[in-house]
Amino acid sequence: MVDQAINECRDALKAEPNSEPAQESLLESFKTKIALLEDTVALINEMRKGNDAGAARIVSGLKQKGK
């Protein structure tokens, strides 16, 4: 979904390069992707350490973000 939003924003900016809403939307989409990647790395690290409670906390946070 995030990559789709990024692609749609890029397409909008190709059509209208000076569109502030499209620029802002692209920036927000990149921020969302970065946050998702950071959470993924944190989850992998907790699982690698065998910290089930830490992994569960991260998954719970991801579920909250998805609402």
PDB file of N, CA and C in Angstrom:
ATOM      1  N   MET A   1       0.813  -1.195   0.000  1.00  0.00           N
ATOM      2  CA  MET A   1       0.000   0.000   0.000  1.00  0.00           C
ATOM      3  C   MET A   1       0.860   1.264   0.000  1.00  0.00           C
ATOM      4  N   VAL A   2       1.916   1.241   0.787  1.00  0.00           N
ATOM      5  CA  VAL A   2       2.771   2.425   0.878  1.00  0.00           C
ATOM      6  C   VAL A   2       3.446   2.683  -0.460  1.00  0.00           C
ATOM      7  N   ASP A   3       3.964   1.619  -1.070  1.00  0.00           N
ATOM      8  CA  ASP A   3       4.619   1.793  -2.370  1.00  0.00           C
ATOM      9  C   ASP A   3       3.631   2.282  -3.431  1.00  0.00           C
ATOM     10  N   GLN A   4       2.402   1.815  -3.341  1.00  0.00           N
ATOM     11  CA  GLN A   4       1.379   2.270  -4.284  1.00  0.00           C
ATOM     12  C   GLN A   4       1.118   3.767  -4.095  1.00  0.00           C
ATOM     13  N   ALA A   5       1.039   4.204  -2.852  1.00  0.00           N
ATOM     14  CA  ALA A   5       0.827   5.630  -2.575  1.00  0.00           C
ATOM     15  C   ALA A   5       1.997   6.458  -3.097  1.00  0.00           C
ATOM     16  N   ILE A   6       3.215   5.956  -2.913  1.00  0.00           N
ATOM     17  CA  ILE A   6       4.400   6.662  -3.414  1.00  0.00           C
ATOM     18  C   ILE A   6       4.339   6.773  -4.930  1.00  0.00           C
ATOM     19  N   ASN A   7       3.996   5.682  -5.593  1.00  0.00           N
ATOM     20  CA  ASN A   7       3.905   5.707  -7.058  1.00  0.00           C
ATOM     21  C   ASN A   7       2.827   6.667  -7.544  1.00  0.00           C
ATOM     22  N   GLU A   8       1.691   6.692  -6.857  1.00  0.00           N
ATOM     23  CA  GLU A   8       0.615   7.608  -7.247  1.00  0.00           C
ATOM     24  C   GLU A   8       1.042   9.065  -7.068  1.00  0.00           C
ATOM     25  N   CYS A   9       1.753   9.342  -5.995  1.00  0.00           N
ATOM     26  CA  CYS A   9       2.249  10.708  -5.768  1.00  0.00           C
ATOM     27  C   CYS A   9       3.262  11.101  -6.833  1.00  0.00           C
ATOM     28  N   ARG A  10       4.130  10.177  -7.166  1.00  0.00           N
ATOM     29  CA  ARG A  10       5.120  10.457  -8.211  1.00  0.00           C
ATOM     30  C   ARG A  10       4.431  10.746  -9.541  1.00  0.00           C
ATOM     31  N   ASP A  11       3.406   9.960  -9.857  1.00  0.00           N
ATOM     32  CA  ASP A  11       2.658  10.194 -11.097  1.00  0.00           C
ATOM     33  C   ASP A  11       1.998  11.565 -11.078  1.00  0.00           C
ATOM     34  N   ALA A  12       1.427  11.928  -9.926  1.00  0.00           N
ATOM     35  CA  ALA A  12       0.782  13.240  -9.804  1.00  0.00           C
ATOM     36  C   ALA A  12       1.802  14.357  -9.983  1.00  0.00           C
ATOM     37  N   LEU A  13       3.003  14.160  -9.444  1.00  0.00           N
ATOM     38  CA  LEU A  13       4.042  15.188  -9.580  1.00  0.00           C
ATOM     39  C   LEU A  13       4.589  15.269 -11.000  1.00  0.00           C
ATOM     40  N   LYS A  14       4.560  14.170 -11.721  1.00  0.00           N
ATOM     41  CA  LYS A  14       4.969  14.225 -13.130  1.00  0.00           C
ATOM     42  C   LYS A  14       3.986  15.073 -13.923  1.00  0.00           C
ATOM     43  N   ALA A  15       2.706  14.932 -13.584  1.00  0.00           N
ATOM     44  CA  ALA A  15       1.673  15.696 -14.278  1.00  0.00           C
ATOM     45  C   ALA A  15       1.680  17.158 -13.846  1.00  0.00           C
ATOM     46  N   GLU A  16       1.899  17.396 -12.555  1.00  0.00           N
ATOM     47  CA  GLU A  16       1.913  18.757 -12.008  1.00  0.00           C
ATOM     48  C   GLU A  16       3.084  18.894 -11.036  1.00  0.00           C
ATOM     49  N   PRO A  17       4.273  19.185 -11.538  1.00  0.00           N
ATOM     50  CA  PRO A  17       5.476  19.234 -10.694  1.00  0.00           C
ATOM     51  C   PRO A  17       5.420  20.240  -9.542  1.00  0.00           C
ATOM     52  N   ASN A  18       4.623  21.277  -9.660  1.00  0.00           N
ATOM     53  CA  ASN A  18       4.561  22.305  -8.617  1.00  0.00           C
ATOM     54  C   ASN A  18       3.416  22.101  -7.630  1.00  0.00           C
ATOM     55  N   SER A  19       2.747  20.970  -7.711  1.00  0.00           N
ATOM     56  CA  SER A  19       1.603  20.701  -6.839  1.00  0.00           C
ATOM     57  C   SER A  19       2.062  20.472  -5.397  1.00  0.00           C
ATOM     58  N   GLU A  20       1.730  21.426  -4.528  1.00  0.00           N
ATOM     59  CA  GLU A  20       2.104  21.289  -3.115  1.00  0.00           C
ATOM     60  C   GLU A  20       1.433  20.099  -2.453  1.00  0.00           C
ATOM     61  N   PRO A  21       0.136  19.872  -2.697  1.00  0.00           N
ATOM     62  CA  PRO A  21      -0.485  18.692  -2.078  1.00  0.00           C
ATOM     63  C   PRO A  21       0.199  17.384  -2.500  1.00  0.00           C
ATOM     64  N   ALA A  22       0.577  17.278  -3.751  1.00  0.00           N
ATOM     65  CA  ALA A  22       1.254  16.065  -4.214  1.00  0.00           C
ATOM     66  C   ALA A  22       2.636  15.938  -3.579  1.00  0.00           C
ATOM     67  N   GLN A  23       3.335  17.061  -3.440  1.00  0.00           N
ATOM     68  CA  GLN A  23       4.655  17.042  -2.797  1.00  0.00           C
ATOM     69  C   GLN A  23       4.533  16.621  -1.332  1.00  0.00           C
ATOM     70  N   GLU A  24       3.563  17.197  -0.639  1.00  0.00           N
ATOM     71  CA  GLU A  24       3.358  16.869   0.771  1.00  0.00           C
ATOM     72  C   GLU A  24       2.939  15.413   0.937  1.00  0.00           C
ATOM     73  N   SER A  25       2.092  14.948   0.047  1.00  0.00           N
ATOM     74  CA  SER A  25       1.641  13.563   0.111  1.00  0.00           C
ATOM     75  C   SER A  25       2.795  12.594  -0.133  1.00  0.00           C
ATOM     76  N   LEU A  26       3.669  12.934  -1.070  1.00  0.00           N
ATOM     77  CA  LEU A  26       4.833  12.091  -1.339  1.00  0.00           C
ATOM     78  C   LEU A  26       5.741  12.050  -0.113  1.00  0.00           C
ATOM     79  N   LEU A  27       5.971  13.201   0.496  1.00  0.00           N
ATOM     80  CA  LEU A  27       6.814  13.259   1.688  1.00  0.00           C
ATOM     81  C   LEU A  27       6.215  12.419   2.818  1.00  0.00           C
ATOM     82  N   GLU A  28       4.922  12.538   3.038  1.00  0.00           N
ATOM     83  CA  GLU A  28       4.262  11.750   4.084  1.00  0.00           C
ATOM     84  C   GLU A  28       4.329  10.257   3.774  1.00  0.00           C
ATOM     85  N   SER A  29       4.204   9.906   2.503  1.00  0.00           N
ATOM     86  CA  SER A  29       4.300   8.497   2.114  1.00  0.00           C
ATOM     87  C   SER A  29       5.695   7.950   2.389  1.00  0.00           C
ATOM     88  N   PHE A  30       6.720   8.752   2.112  1.00  0.00           N
ATOM     89  CA  PHE A  30       8.092   8.326   2.411  1.00  0.00           C
ATOM     90  C   PHE A  30       8.292   8.181   3.921  1.00  0.00           C
ATOM     91  N   LYS A  31       7.741   9.112   4.694  1.00  0.00           N
ATOM     92  CA  LYS A  31       7.858   9.027   6.152  1.00  0.00           C
ATOM     93  C   LYS A  31       7.186   7.760   6.678  1.00  0.00           C
ATOM     94  N   THR A  32       6.038   7.427   6.109  1.00  0.00           N
ATOM     95  CA  THR A  32       5.330   6.211   6.506  1.00  0.00           C
ATOM     96  C   THR A  32       6.158   4.975   6.187  1.00  0.00           C
ATOM     97  N   LYS A  33       6.773   4.968   5.012  1.00  0.00           N
ATOM     98  CA  LYS A  33       7.595   3.819   4.621  1.00  0.00           C
ATOM     99  C   LYS A  33       8.809   3.691   5.535  1.00  0.00           C
ATOM    100  N   ILE A  34       9.440   4.803   5.859  1.00  0.00           N
ATOM    101  CA  ILE A  34      10.597   4.772   6.760  1.00  0.00           C
ATOM    102  C   ILE A  34      10.188   4.221   8.126  1.00  0.00           C
ATOM    103  N   ALA A  35       9.064   4.670   8.649  1.00  0.00           N
ATOM    104  CA  ALA A  35       8.594   4.189   9.955  1.00  0.00           C
ATOM    105  C   ALA A  35       8.319   2.689   9.909  1.00  0.00           C
ATOM    106  N   LEU A  36       7.722   2.226   8.827  1.00  0.00           N
ATOM    107  CA  LEU A  36       7.444   0.799   8.679  1.00  0.00           C
ATOM    108  C   LEU A  36       8.740  -0.004   8.632  1.00  0.00           C
ATOM    109  N   LEU A  37       9.714   0.487   7.893  1.00  0.00           N
ATOM    110  CA  LEU A  37      11.003  -0.203   7.813  1.00  0.00           C
ATOM    111  C   LEU A  37      11.717  -0.203   9.166  1.00  0.00           C
ATOM    112  N   GLU A  38      11.641   0.905   9.889  1.00  0.00           N
ATOM    113  CA  GLU A  38      12.250   0.965  11.226  1.00  0.00           C
ATOM    114  C   GLU A  38      11.594  -0.041  12.171  1.00  0.00           C
ATOM    115  N   ASP A  39      10.265  -0.120  12.119  1.00  0.00           N
ATOM    116  CA  ASP A  39       9.550  -1.084  12.959  1.00  0.00           C
ATOM    117  C   ASP A  39       9.908  -2.518  12.574  1.00  0.00           C
ATOM    118  N   THR A  40      10.070  -2.764  11.291  1.00  0.00           N
ATOM    119  CA  THR A  40      10.444  -4.100  10.820  1.00  0.00           C
ATOM    120  C   THR A  40      11.815  -4.496  11.344  1.00  0.00           C
ATOM    121  N   VAL A  41      12.766  -3.585  11.267  1.00  0.00           N
ATOM    122  CA  VAL A  41      14.114  -3.858  11.782  1.00  0.00           C
ATOM    123  C   VAL A  41      14.067  -4.101  13.293  1.00  0.00           C
ATOM    124  N   ALA A  42      13.301  -3.296  14.009  1.00  0.00           N
ATOM    125  CA  ALA A  42      13.182  -3.475  15.459  1.00  0.00           C
ATOM    126  C   ALA A  42      12.582  -4.839  15.785  1.00  0.00           C
ATOM    127  N   LEU A  43      11.568  -5.244  15.035  1.00  0.00           N
ATOM    128  CA  LEU A  43      10.939  -6.545  15.254  1.00  0.00           C
ATOM    129  C   LEU A  43      11.927  -7.675  14.987  1.00  0.00           C
ATOM    130  N   ILE A  44      12.653  -7.585  13.899  1.00  0.00           N
ATOM    131  CA  ILE A  44      13.657  -8.604  13.574  1.00  0.00           C
ATOM    132  C   ILE A  44      14.700  -8.691  14.682  1.00  0.00           C
ATOM    133  N   ASN A  45      15.145  -7.551  15.178  1.00  0.00           N
ATOM    134  CA  ASN A  45      16.148  -7.541  16.250  1.00  0.00           C
ATOM    135  C   ASN A  45      15.618  -8.186  17.526  1.00  0.00           C
ATOM    136  N   GLU A  46      14.383  -7.889  17.886  1.00  0.00           N
ATOM    137  CA  GLU A  46      13.800  -8.493  19.088  1.00  0.00           C
ATOM    138  C   GLU A  46      13.657 -10.002  18.914  1.00  0.00           C
ATOM    139  N   MET A  47      13.245 -10.434  17.749  1.00  0.00           N
ATOM    140  CA  MET A  47      13.106 -11.867  17.489  1.00  0.00           C
ATOM    141  C   MET A  47      14.473 -12.550  17.503  1.00  0.00           C
ATOM    142  N   ARG A  48      15.468 -11.896  16.953  1.00  0.00           N
ATOM    143  CA  ARG A  48      16.824 -12.448  16.916  1.00  0.00           C
ATOM    144  C   ARG A  48      17.364 -12.630  18.328  1.00  0.00           C
ATOM    145  N   LYS A  49      17.020 -11.688  19.220  1.00  0.00           N
ATOM    146  CA  LYS A  49      17.467 -11.759  20.611  1.00  0.00           C
ATOM    147  C   LYS A  49      16.642 -12.760  21.424  1.00  0.00           C
ATOM    148  N   GLY A  50      15.567 -13.256  20.839  1.00  0.00           N
ATOM    149  CA  GLY A  50      14.691 -14.173  21.567  1.00  0.00           C
ATOM    150  C   GLY A  50      13.786 -13.467  22.556  1.00  0.00           C
ATOM    151  N   ASN A  51      13.577 -12.187  22.363  1.00  0.00           N
ATOM    152  CA  ASN A  51      12.750 -11.382  23.262  1.00  0.00           C
ATOM    153  C   ASN A  51      11.306 -11.390  22.763  1.00  0.00           C
ATOM    154  N   ASP A  52      10.565 -12.412  23.194  1.00  0.00           N
ATOM    155  CA  ASP A  52       9.176 -12.541  22.748  1.00  0.00           C
ATOM    156  C   ASP A  52       8.313 -11.363  23.192  1.00  0.00           C
ATOM    157  N   ALA A  53       8.548 -10.872  24.405  1.00  0.00           N
ATOM    158  CA  ALA A  53       7.755  -9.746  24.913  1.00  0.00           C
ATOM    159  C   ALA A  53       8.020  -8.488  24.090  1.00  0.00           C
ATOM    160  N   GLY A  54       9.276  -8.248  23.750  1.00  0.00           N
ATOM    161  CA  GLY A  54       9.613  -7.087  22.926  1.00  0.00           C
ATOM    162  C   GLY A  54       9.021  -7.191  21.536  1.00  0.00           C
ATOM    163  N   ALA A  55       9.069  -8.392  20.966  1.00  0.00           N
ATOM    164  CA  ALA A  55       8.492  -8.603  19.636  1.00  0.00           C
ATOM    165  C   ALA A  55       6.979  -8.400  19.678  1.00  0.00           C
ATOM    166  N   ALA A  56       6.342  -8.925  20.720  1.00  0.00           N
ATOM    167  CA  ALA A  56       4.890  -8.771  20.853  1.00  0.00           C
ATOM    168  C   ALA A  56       4.507  -7.303  21.001  1.00  0.00           C
ATOM    169  N   ARG A  57       5.321  -6.544  21.739  1.00  0.00           N
ATOM    170  CA  ARG A  57       5.055  -5.107  21.918  1.00  0.00           C
ATOM    171  C   ARG A  57       5.106  -4.377  20.576  1.00  0.00           C
ATOM    172  N   ILE A  58       6.088  -4.722  19.761  1.00  0.00           N
ATOM    173  CA  ILE A  58       6.227  -4.074  18.451  1.00  0.00           C
ATOM    174  C   ILE A  58       5.051  -4.443  17.554  1.00  0.00           C
ATOM    175  N   VAL A  59       4.685  -5.726  17.546  1.00  0.00           N
ATOM    176  CA  VAL A  59       3.549  -6.164  16.729  1.00  0.00           C
ATOM    177  C   VAL A  59       2.277  -5.456  17.179  1.00  0.00           C
ATOM    178  N   SER A  60       2.104  -5.332  18.487  1.00  0.00           N
ATOM    179  CA  SER A  60       0.932  -4.633  19.015  1.00  0.00           C
ATOM    180  C   SER A  60       0.909  -3.183  18.546  1.00  0.00           C
ATOM    181  N   GLY A  61       2.071  -2.537  18.564  1.00  0.00           N
ATOM    182  CA  GLY A  61       2.165  -1.158  18.086  1.00  0.00           C
ATOM    183  C   GLY A  61       1.850  -1.042  16.607  1.00  0.00           C
ATOM    184  N   LEU A  62       2.292  -2.031  15.833  1.00  0.00           N
ATOM    185  CA  LEU A  62       1.996  -2.021  14.397  1.00  0.00           C
ATOM    186  C   LEU A  62       0.501  -2.172  14.159  1.00  0.00           C
ATOM    187  N   LYS A  63      -0.135  -3.016  14.949  1.00  0.00           N
ATOM    188  CA  LYS A  63      -1.584  -3.196  14.813  1.00  0.00           C
ATOM    189  C   LYS A  63      -2.317  -1.903  15.146  1.00  0.00           C
ATOM    190  N   GLN A  64      -1.837  -1.183  16.166  1.00  0.00           N
ATOM    191  CA  GLN A  64      -2.456   0.090  16.541  1.00  0.00           C
ATOM    192  C   GLN A  64      -2.312   1.115  15.421  1.00  0.00           C
ATOM    193  N   LYS A  65      -1.153   1.132  14.777  1.00  0.00           N
ATOM    194  CA  LYS A  65      -0.922   2.073  13.674  1.00  0.00           C
ATOM    195  C   LYS A  65      -1.814   1.759  12.489  1.00  0.00           C
ATOM    196  N   GLY A  66      -2.152   0.482  12.319  1.00  0.00           N
ATOM    197  CA  GLY A  66      -2.964   0.055  11.188  1.00  0.00           C
ATOM    198  C   GLY A  66      -4.432   0.396  11.325  1.00  0.00           C
ATOM    199  N   LYS A  67      -4.857   0.800  12.500  1.00  0.00           N
ATOM    200  CA  LYS A  67      -6.287   1.109  12.720  1.00  0.00           C
ATOM    201  C   LYS A  67      -6.664   2.438  12.161  1.00  0.00           C
TER     202      LYS A  67
END
